[in-house]
Amino acid sequence: MERDRIEDTKRDRRVIERKIRQGEATAEELQGYLQELPDLSWNAEEVTVSLERKKGKPAEKGNAH
């Protein structure tokens, strides 16, 4: 995709996928854009999340804990 078309969508995957489905962009353009992105994996931070449910409180409908 042309860089400005990607940036206009603010890199929202749903918008990009819709543009591909509608023929406004191609998967090859998207792949080329993704390959140009810098590798920022060095800046990642590991996060541990506890998903324990509190006693006496039932899980809300649609809630994953």
C-alpha atoms as a PDB file:
ATOM      1  CA  MET A   1       0.000   0.000   0.000  1.00  0.00           C
ATOM      2  CA  GLU A   2       1.144   3.476  -0.517  1.00  0.00           C
ATOM      3  CA  ARG A   3       2.470   4.789   2.765  1.00  0.00           C
ATOM      4  CA  ASP A   4      -0.131   7.570   2.994  1.00  0.00           C
ATOM      5  CA  ARG A   5      -2.994   5.126   2.503  1.00  0.00           C
ATOM      6  CA  ILE A   6      -1.750   3.035   5.446  1.00  0.00           C
ATOM      7  CA  GLU A   7      -1.171   6.058   7.647  1.00  0.00           C
ATOM      8  CA  ASP A   8      -4.654   7.371   6.846  1.00  0.00           C
ATOM      9  CA  THR A   9      -6.100   4.214   8.371  1.00  0.00           C
ATOM     10  CA  LYS A  10      -3.940   4.674  11.471  1.00  0.00           C
ATOM     11  CA  ARG A  11      -2.753   1.108  10.972  1.00  0.00           C
ATOM     12  CA  ASP A  12      -6.108  -0.320  12.036  1.00  0.00           C
ATOM     13  CA  ARG A  13      -6.086  -3.929  10.861  1.00  0.00           C
ATOM     14  CA  ARG A  14      -9.859  -3.948  10.264  1.00  0.00           C
ATOM     15  CA  VAL A  15      -9.722  -0.916   8.007  1.00  0.00           C
ATOM     16  CA  ILE A  16      -6.725  -2.264   6.084  1.00  0.00           C
ATOM     17  CA  GLU A  17      -8.430  -5.658   5.607  1.00  0.00           C
ATOM     18  CA  ARG A  18     -11.602  -3.918   4.390  1.00  0.00           C
ATOM     19  CA  LYS A  19      -9.578  -1.886   1.852  1.00  0.00           C
ATOM     20  CA  ILE A  20      -8.033  -5.109   0.563  1.00  0.00           C
ATOM     21  CA  ARG A  21     -11.456  -6.797   0.278  1.00  0.00           C
ATOM     22  CA  GLN A  22     -12.859  -3.779  -1.569  1.00  0.00           C
ATOM     23  CA  GLY A  23      -9.922  -3.650  -3.965  1.00  0.00           C
ATOM     24  CA  GLU A  24      -8.648  -0.265  -2.747  1.00  0.00           C
ATOM     25  CA  ALA A  25      -5.326  -1.886  -1.825  1.00  0.00           C
ATOM     26  CA  THR A  26      -3.588  -5.204  -2.381  1.00  0.00           C
ATOM     27  CA  ALA A  27      -2.154  -7.722   0.031  1.00  0.00           C
ATOM     28  CA  GLU A  28       1.209  -7.253  -1.696  1.00  0.00           C
ATOM     29  CA  GLU A  29       1.128  -3.507  -0.934  1.00  0.00           C
ATOM     30  CA  LEU A  30       0.373  -4.283   2.710  1.00  0.00           C
ATOM     31  CA  GLN A  31       3.182  -6.844   2.881  1.00  0.00           C
ATOM     32  CA  GLY A  32       5.628  -4.329   1.418  1.00  0.00           C
ATOM     33  CA  TYR A  33       4.591  -1.747   4.000  1.00  0.00           C
ATOM     34  CA  LEU A  34       4.959  -4.232   6.858  1.00  0.00           C
ATOM     35  CA  GLN A  35       8.463  -5.165   5.686  1.00  0.00           C
ATOM     36  CA  GLU A  36       9.474  -1.495   5.842  1.00  0.00           C
ATOM     37  CA  LEU A  37       8.531  -1.169   9.514  1.00  0.00           C
ATOM     38  CA  PRO A  38      11.450  -1.068  11.947  1.00  0.00           C
ATOM     39  CA  ASP A  39      12.058  -3.960  14.372  1.00  0.00           C
ATOM     40  CA  LEU A  40      11.248  -2.575  17.817  1.00  0.00           C
ATOM     41  CA  SER A  41      11.206  -5.919  19.626  1.00  0.00           C
ATOM     42  CA  TRP A  42      14.079  -4.728  21.820  1.00  0.00           C
ATOM     43  CA  ASN A  43      11.617  -2.275  23.372  1.00  0.00           C
ATOM     44  CA  ALA A  44       9.105  -4.953  24.412  1.00  0.00           C
ATOM     45  CA  GLU A  45       8.387  -5.611  28.064  1.00  0.00           C
ATOM     46  CA  GLU A  46       7.162  -8.913  29.482  1.00  0.00           C
ATOM     47  CA  VAL A  47       3.922  -8.607  31.439  1.00  0.00           C
ATOM     48  CA  THR A  48       2.418 -11.216  33.773  1.00  0.00           C
ATOM     49  CA  VAL A  49      -1.331 -11.132  34.320  1.00  0.00           C
ATOM     50  CA  SER A  50      -3.242 -12.997  37.011  1.00  0.00           C
ATOM     51  CA  LEU A  51      -6.768 -13.946  36.026  1.00  0.00           C
ATOM     52  CA  GLU A  52      -7.965 -15.290  39.357  1.00  0.00           C
ATOM     53  CA  ARG A  53     -11.624 -14.709  40.165  1.00  0.00           C
ATOM     54  CA  LYS A  54     -12.463 -13.144  43.525  1.00  0.00           C
ATOM     55  CA  LYS A  55     -14.447 -15.377  45.889  1.00  0.00           C
ATOM     56  CA  GLY A  56     -18.202 -14.766  45.972  1.00  0.00           C
ATOM     57  CA  LYS A  57     -18.231 -12.727  42.810  1.00  0.00           C
ATOM     58  CA  PRO A  58     -19.535 -14.584  39.731  1.00  0.00           C
ATOM     59  CA  ALA A  59     -17.939 -13.864  36.370  1.00  0.00           C
ATOM     60  CA  GLU A  60     -19.802 -11.339  34.275  1.00  0.00           C
ATOM     61  CA  LYS A  61     -21.336 -12.545  31.031  1.00  0.00           C
ATOM     62  CA  GLY A  62     -18.727 -12.233  28.271  1.00  0.00           C
ATOM     63  CA  ASN A  63     -15.914 -11.689  30.742  1.00  0.00           C
ATOM     64  CA  ALA A  64     -12.889 -13.939  30.202  1.00  0.00           C
ATOM     65  CA  HIS A  65     -11.760 -14.225  33.783  1.00  0.00           C
END
